[in-house]
Structure formats: structure tokens, C-alpha cells
């Protein structure tokens, strides 16, 4: 993961997310691209005549300039190659456009500029549309602990396969890896198009050992079962496929994805 794209947003979790992104850049001897998107589109939806837009533009520019100055100061002595990207428009579109030559996108769990409410539609949209995996960080997360385990949610689908493949560089650094399937009653012939053993075989070719675990679904749903499995195994990373369709107007993504983004407890790696 040599090219890491980081979403810069001036909230209380920004310093911790930036530190974690820097740690990843060091771990992989990579380059950090810090992207700040000024949401010029926001005013147009509530102010078609442009008065509020005209008033907000200098405020947004001042915020962006301060964030850039603070970030430059923070990164001055970090020993990591980096660059700053200024964008105008929706955060999700800006990240997707710049994901074509990125190996990883790092973003916070909260929806930018929405009062800090979850789930992050932006994270879901980016995961569905980006060309690389998205690492969603809890607000209080200060580091990605490689001394902990990783839980990979596996259902045999192409989405979970893509997520597994994208996560290999991170999984190779984790203490242990668990391939977790969630049982939801009687299986049919269509379940598990690729059995878990295929995922384990793939990881073994990359020198990564794993344990296959099947857990039962509970009344709280698949997402809760995955999170419980992660808690039980002291996971520092959860990997899962992102399900849904990229519809920026409707912002729809799958139920399990939505549930996982609603309550991000440990770093969550998503790939469509």
C-alpha cells in the first residue's frame, strides 16, 4: 500500500486519523495524499439563488486554509512523503476521482459536515465507487494495532473475495487472521459460492495463515454477529465486502454495510 489517500476534515478526530494514516505510510514506506474537499454543492440545494453560497465561500476557504496550514505544520517533521489536494464539491466524488491511483483510502466514521451522525454515507459511497479499499476509522482510534487479530467477514461472494484480496497487505502484518462466516439457518445450494476454504487457500499463497470460524446469527443481525466475533477475538481490524449500488442521489447501500458503518468499533476495511 504505497499510495494512501487521506480525507482531511477539521473535526476532533482529525489528528488521530492523520497520525494513523502516517503510521500506515511508514509501515509500507508509502506516500500520503491529503485531500480536502470544500463542499460548494451544499449551498445550492438549500439556496438556489446563491446568497448563502456567496456568504459561505470565504468561510469555507478560511477553514480549508487553516486546515492546510495546521496539517503542513504537523507533517513537517514526520519523515513521510506527502502532498495536499484541494477539491471543490462532494467529498465522496472527490475521493472516488482520486482513487484511481490510490492503494487505500482512509476516512472517519462520521459523516463530514452533518453534525457527526452515523452511518457515514460518504464512507459507503466511496467504498462502492472507489478503485481501492476504504479504511473507516472510529473516532477514538489512535493506531492500527498489528499486535491484534483481523476478522474477515466471508460469505463466498465476489464482494467478500475482493475485500479479502485488497486486505492482503494489512492481513500480512496482523497477529492472526480469522475467516468468519455467519450462519443464517438452513443453507441452500446458492450459499457460499466460494467456500471459506478457498479464501484460506488464497491467503496461504501469500504466506498468511488463518483460522476458519463459523458463528451463528443472532436476533440482532449479521453485523452484530460479526462484531461479536471480532470482540471475542480481540480484533484490531475487520474486513468485509461492501454491498449495494452507487446511487449518489439515493445513497443506498446494503443492510449489513449500513449496520457496520452505524457502529464502527474497530477499523473497518471495505471493498465492493
Protein backbone atom coordinates (compact mmCIF):
# COMPACT_ATOMS: atom_id res chain seq x y z
CA UNK A 1 0.00 0.00 0.00
CA UNK A 2 2.32 2.66 -1.33
CA UNK A 3 -0.27 5.35 -2.15
CA UNK A 4 -2.58 6.30 0.71
CA UNK A 5 -5.38 8.82 0.18
CA UNK A 6 -6.49 10.57 3.38
CA UNK A 7 -9.71 12.54 3.80
CA UNK A 8 -8.86 15.70 5.74
CA UNK A 9 -11.75 17.14 7.72
CA UNK A 10 -11.38 19.52 10.65
CA UNK A 11 -13.25 17.68 13.39
CA UNK A 12 -12.00 16.40 16.74
CA UNK A 13 -10.96 13.05 15.28
CA UNK A 14 -8.78 14.54 12.54
CA UNK A 15 -5.44 14.49 14.45
CA UNK A 16 -5.81 10.83 15.44
CA UNK A 17 -6.81 9.79 11.91
CA UNK A 18 -3.87 11.68 10.46
CA UNK A 19 -1.47 10.00 12.90
CA UNK A 20 -2.83 6.59 11.93
CA UNK A 21 -2.50 7.38 8.21
CA UNK A 22 1.09 8.45 8.84
CA UNK A 23 1.76 5.17 10.66
CA UNK A 24 0.44 3.25 7.67
CA UNK A 25 2.59 5.28 5.27
CA UNK A 26 5.63 4.46 7.39
CA UNK A 27 4.72 0.79 7.69
CA UNK A 28 4.51 0.43 3.92
CA UNK A 29 7.16 3.04 3.05
CA UNK A 30 4.41 4.84 1.18
CA UNK A 31 3.20 8.27 0.09
CA UNK A 32 0.34 10.12 1.79
CA UNK A 33 -2.04 12.29 -0.24
CA UNK A 34 -4.11 14.58 1.99
CA UNK A 35 -7.38 15.59 0.31
CA UNK A 36 -9.60 18.41 1.50
CA UNK A 37 -12.93 18.89 -0.30
CA UNK A 38 -14.74 22.22 0.07
CA UNK A 39 -18.49 21.40 -0.22
CA UNK A 40 -19.57 24.07 -2.70
CA UNK A 41 -22.52 21.91 -3.65
CA UNK A 42 -24.11 22.15 -0.20
CA UNK A 43 -25.44 25.69 -0.58
CA UNK A 44 -27.04 25.06 -3.95
CA UNK A 45 -29.51 22.55 -2.53
CA UNK A 46 -30.91 24.99 0.03
CA UNK A 47 -30.15 28.30 -1.61
CA UNK A 48 -30.90 28.24 -5.35
CA UNK A 49 -30.41 32.00 -5.64
CA UNK A 50 -26.87 31.89 -4.30
CA UNK A 51 -26.98 34.33 -1.36
CA UNK A 52 -25.95 31.79 1.26
CA UNK A 53 -23.41 30.34 -1.16
CA UNK A 54 -21.72 33.72 -1.59
CA UNK A 55 -21.62 34.20 2.17
CA UNK A 56 -20.21 30.74 2.91
CA UNK A 57 -17.46 30.62 0.27
CA UNK A 58 -14.99 32.83 2.19
CA UNK A 59 -15.71 30.87 5.39
CA UNK A 60 -15.04 27.57 3.65
CA UNK A 61 -11.86 28.95 2.12
CA UNK A 62 -10.66 30.18 5.51
CA UNK A 63 -11.39 26.79 7.08
CA UNK A 64 -9.53 25.00 4.28
CA UNK A 65 -6.54 27.35 4.55
CA UNK A 66 -6.29 26.85 8.31
CA UNK A 67 -6.59 23.07 8.00
CA UNK A 68 -3.87 23.07 5.35
CA UNK A 69 -1.57 25.23 7.47
CA UNK A 70 -2.12 23.07 10.55
CA UNK A 71 -1.54 19.89 8.54
CA UNK A 72 1.65 21.25 6.98
CA UNK A 73 2.91 22.03 10.47
CA UNK A 74 2.00 18.55 11.73
CA UNK A 75 3.69 16.81 8.80
CA UNK A 76 6.83 18.94 8.70
CA UNK A 77 8.97 16.53 10.73
CA UNK A 78 7.20 13.21 10.19
CA UNK A 79 9.59 11.83 7.58
CA UNK A 80 6.75 10.78 5.26
CA UNK A 81 6.38 11.85 1.63
CA UNK A 82 3.06 13.66 1.19
CA UNK A 83 1.10 16.11 -0.90
CA UNK A 84 -2.04 18.22 -0.43
CA UNK A 85 -5.04 18.06 -2.77
CA UNK A 86 -7.62 20.88 -2.84
CA UNK A 87 -11.03 19.92 -4.25
CA UNK A 88 -14.45 21.53 -4.60
CA UNK A 89 -17.65 19.52 -4.39
CA UNK A 90 -18.89 16.41 -2.58
CA UNK A 91 -16.28 14.61 -0.51
CA UNK A 92 -17.31 11.23 -1.90
CA UNK A 93 -16.88 12.26 -5.55
CA UNK A 94 -13.53 13.89 -4.82
CA UNK A 95 -12.20 10.76 -3.11
CA UNK A 96 -13.55 8.47 -5.84
CA UNK A 97 -11.95 10.60 -8.58
CA UNK A 98 -8.58 10.45 -6.85
CA UNK A 99 -8.81 6.75 -6.00
CA UNK A 100 -7.72 5.56 -9.43
CA UNK A 101 -4.04 5.54 -8.44
CA UNK A 102 -4.51 5.02 -4.70
CA UNK A 103 -3.97 1.76 -2.81
CA UNK A 104 -6.03 2.75 0.23
CA UNK A 105 -8.44 5.49 1.31
CA UNK A 106 -8.56 6.49 4.99
CA UNK A 107 -11.74 8.16 6.23
CA UNK A 108 -13.51 8.76 9.55
CA UNK A 109 -16.67 7.03 10.72
CA UNK A 110 -18.75 10.20 10.98
CA UNK A 111 -20.46 11.90 8.05
CA UNK A 112 -18.50 15.08 7.20
CA UNK A 113 -20.43 18.31 7.88
CA UNK A 114 -23.53 16.56 9.20
CA UNK A 115 -23.17 17.16 12.91
CA UNK A 116 -21.30 13.91 13.48
CA UNK A 117 -24.14 11.50 12.83
CA UNK A 118 -23.67 7.92 11.66
CA UNK A 119 -23.73 6.00 9.47
CA UNK A 120 -21.29 7.72 7.16
CA UNK A 121 -22.99 7.80 3.77
CA UNK A 122 -19.76 9.20 2.40
CA UNK A 123 -17.79 6.13 3.55
CA UNK A 124 -20.42 3.86 1.99
CA UNK A 125 -20.46 5.76 -1.29
CA UNK A 126 -16.68 5.83 -1.51
CA UNK A 127 -16.42 2.12 -0.75
CA UNK A 128 -18.94 1.36 -3.51
CA UNK A 129 -17.31 3.58 -6.12
CA UNK A 130 -13.59 3.72 -5.38
CA UNK A 131 -10.94 1.69 -7.16
CA UNK A 132 -9.26 0.77 -3.88
CA UNK A 133 -10.33 -0.36 -0.40
CA UNK A 134 -11.58 2.12 2.19
CA UNK A 135 -10.41 2.05 5.79
CA UNK A 136 -13.08 3.55 8.07
CA UNK A 137 -11.73 4.66 11.45
CA UNK A 138 -13.63 5.02 14.72
CA UNK A 139 -13.40 8.48 16.24
CA UNK A 140 -11.28 7.34 19.18
CA UNK A 141 -8.92 5.15 17.16
CA UNK A 142 -5.31 6.29 17.55
CA UNK A 143 -3.48 3.48 15.78
CA UNK A 144 -3.92 0.30 13.78
CA UNK A 145 -2.61 -2.31 16.19
CA UNK A 146 -0.78 -5.02 14.27
CA UNK A 147 -0.39 -6.97 17.52
CA UNK A 148 -4.12 -7.70 17.41
CA UNK A 149 -6.05 -10.05 15.15
CA UNK A 150 -8.04 -9.45 11.99
CA UNK A 151 -11.54 -10.76 11.30
CA UNK A 152 -12.57 -11.20 7.67
CA UNK A 153 -16.31 -11.48 7.08
CA UNK A 154 -16.72 -14.22 4.49
CA UNK A 155 -19.86 -15.27 2.62
CA UNK A 156 -18.35 -16.64 -0.56
CA UNK A 157 -19.43 -13.67 -2.68
CA UNK A 158 -17.38 -11.67 -5.14
CA UNK A 159 -17.58 -8.70 -2.75
CA UNK A 160 -16.01 -10.63 0.12
CA UNK A 161 -13.40 -12.03 -2.26
CA UNK A 162 -12.48 -8.53 -3.46
CA UNK A 163 -12.22 -7.34 0.13
CA UNK A 164 -10.01 -10.27 1.11
CA UNK A 165 -7.69 -9.68 -1.84
CA UNK A 166 -7.47 -5.95 -1.16
CA UNK A 167 -6.69 -6.55 2.52
CA UNK A 168 -3.70 -8.86 1.99
CA UNK A 169 -1.00 -6.24 2.76
CA UNK A 170 -2.68 -5.41 6.08
CA UNK A 171 -3.54 -9.02 6.94
CA UNK A 172 0.10 -10.00 6.45
CA UNK A 173 1.02 -7.69 9.33
CA UNK A 174 -1.69 -8.77 11.78
CA UNK A 175 -1.05 -11.15 14.67
CA UNK A 176 -3.64 -13.66 13.42
CA UNK A 177 -6.43 -13.82 10.84
CA UNK A 178 -9.89 -15.35 11.21
CA UNK A 179 -12.19 -16.05 8.27
CA UNK A 180 -15.64 -15.72 9.81
CA UNK A 181 -18.85 -16.97 8.22
CA UNK A 182 -22.24 -16.23 9.74
CA UNK A 183 -24.84 -18.98 9.65
CA UNK A 184 -28.39 -17.82 8.97
CA UNK A 185 -30.37 -21.01 9.19
CA UNK A 186 -30.59 -23.75 6.58
CA UNK A 187 -28.21 -23.26 3.69
CA UNK A 188 -29.17 -23.58 0.06
CA UNK A 189 -27.10 -24.54 -2.96
CA UNK A 190 -26.64 -20.85 -3.71
CA UNK A 191 -24.95 -20.13 -0.38
CA UNK A 192 -21.18 -19.87 -0.27
CA UNK A 193 -20.42 -19.74 -3.99
CA UNK A 194 -16.80 -19.86 -2.84
CA UNK A 195 -16.40 -21.87 0.39
CA UNK A 196 -14.27 -20.46 3.18
CA UNK A 197 -11.51 -22.95 2.42
CA UNK A 198 -10.96 -21.18 -0.91
CA UNK A 199 -10.33 -17.95 0.93
CA UNK A 200 -7.94 -19.71 3.28
CA UNK A 201 -6.11 -21.26 0.31
CA UNK A 202 -5.76 -17.82 -1.27
CA UNK A 203 -4.26 -16.35 1.89
CA UNK A 204 -1.87 -19.28 2.27
CA UNK A 205 -0.40 -18.49 -1.15
CA UNK A 206 0.55 -15.11 0.30
CA UNK A 207 2.12 -16.71 3.35
CA UNK A 208 -0.82 -15.81 5.60
CA UNK A 209 -2.28 -18.48 7.84
CA UNK A 210 -5.87 -18.19 9.03
CA UNK A 211 -8.49 -19.97 11.08
CA UNK A 212 -11.95 -20.63 9.64
CA UNK A 213 -14.74 -19.85 12.10
CA UNK A 214 -18.49 -20.20 11.70
CA UNK A 215 -20.70 -18.26 14.08
CA UNK A 216 -24.44 -18.34 14.46
CA UNK A 217 -26.57 -15.37 13.50
CA UNK A 218 -28.44 -13.78 16.38
CA UNK A 219 -31.57 -11.70 16.74
CA UNK A 220 -29.56 -8.52 16.24
CA UNK A 221 -28.43 -9.49 12.74
CA UNK A 222 -25.34 -10.41 10.77
CA UNK A 223 -23.44 -7.21 11.58
CA UNK A 224 -23.81 -7.80 15.31
CA UNK A 225 -22.61 -11.39 14.89
CA UNK A 226 -19.51 -10.17 13.02
CA UNK A 227 -18.79 -7.53 15.65
CA UNK A 228 -19.25 -10.07 18.44
CA UNK A 229 -16.81 -12.43 16.72
CA UNK A 230 -14.35 -9.56 16.43
CA UNK A 231 -14.75 -8.63 20.12
CA UNK A 232 -14.24 -12.24 21.20
CA UNK A 233 -11.01 -12.49 19.20
CA UNK A 234 -9.61 -9.09 20.25
CA UNK A 235 -9.68 -7.89 16.66
CA UNK A 236 -7.93 -4.70 15.64
CA UNK A 237 -9.30 -4.86 12.09
CA UNK A 238 -12.49 -6.06 10.42
CA UNK A 239 -12.51 -6.75 6.67
CA UNK A 240 -15.72 -7.13 4.71
CA UNK A 241 -17.20 -6.72 1.27
CA UNK A 242 -19.34 -3.63 0.68
CA UNK A 243 -22.77 -4.40 -0.72
CA UNK A 244 -25.13 -2.09 -2.56
CA UNK A 245 -25.32 0.21 -5.55
CA UNK A 246 -23.67 3.55 -6.19
CA UNK A 247 -26.58 5.99 -6.32
CA UNK A 248 -25.38 9.32 -5.06
CA UNK A 249 -28.87 10.80 -5.00
CA UNK A 250 -30.48 7.96 -3.05
CA UNK A 251 -27.39 6.91 -1.13
CA UNK A 252 -28.34 3.27 -0.87
CA UNK A 253 -26.05 0.52 0.33
CA UNK A 254 -26.61 -2.90 1.76
CA UNK A 255 -28.15 -3.55 5.16
CA UNK A 256 -25.10 -5.24 6.68
CA UNK A 257 -22.82 -2.49 5.36
CA UNK A 258 -25.12 0.16 6.80
CA UNK A 259 -25.23 -1.60 10.18
CA UNK A 260 -21.45 -1.91 10.32
CA UNK A 261 -21.00 1.77 9.48
CA UNK A 262 -23.54 2.76 12.11
CA UNK A 263 -21.40 1.39 14.92
CA UNK A 264 -17.71 1.29 13.95
CA UNK A 265 -15.85 -0.11 16.94
CA UNK A 266 -12.55 -1.08 15.32
CA UNK A 267 -11.00 -0.06 11.98
CA UNK A 268 -13.21 -1.38 9.18
CA UNK A 269 -11.81 -2.16 5.74
CA UNK A 270 -14.46 -2.13 2.99
CA UNK A 271 -14.22 -3.09 -0.68
CA UNK A 272 -17.01 -3.53 -3.22
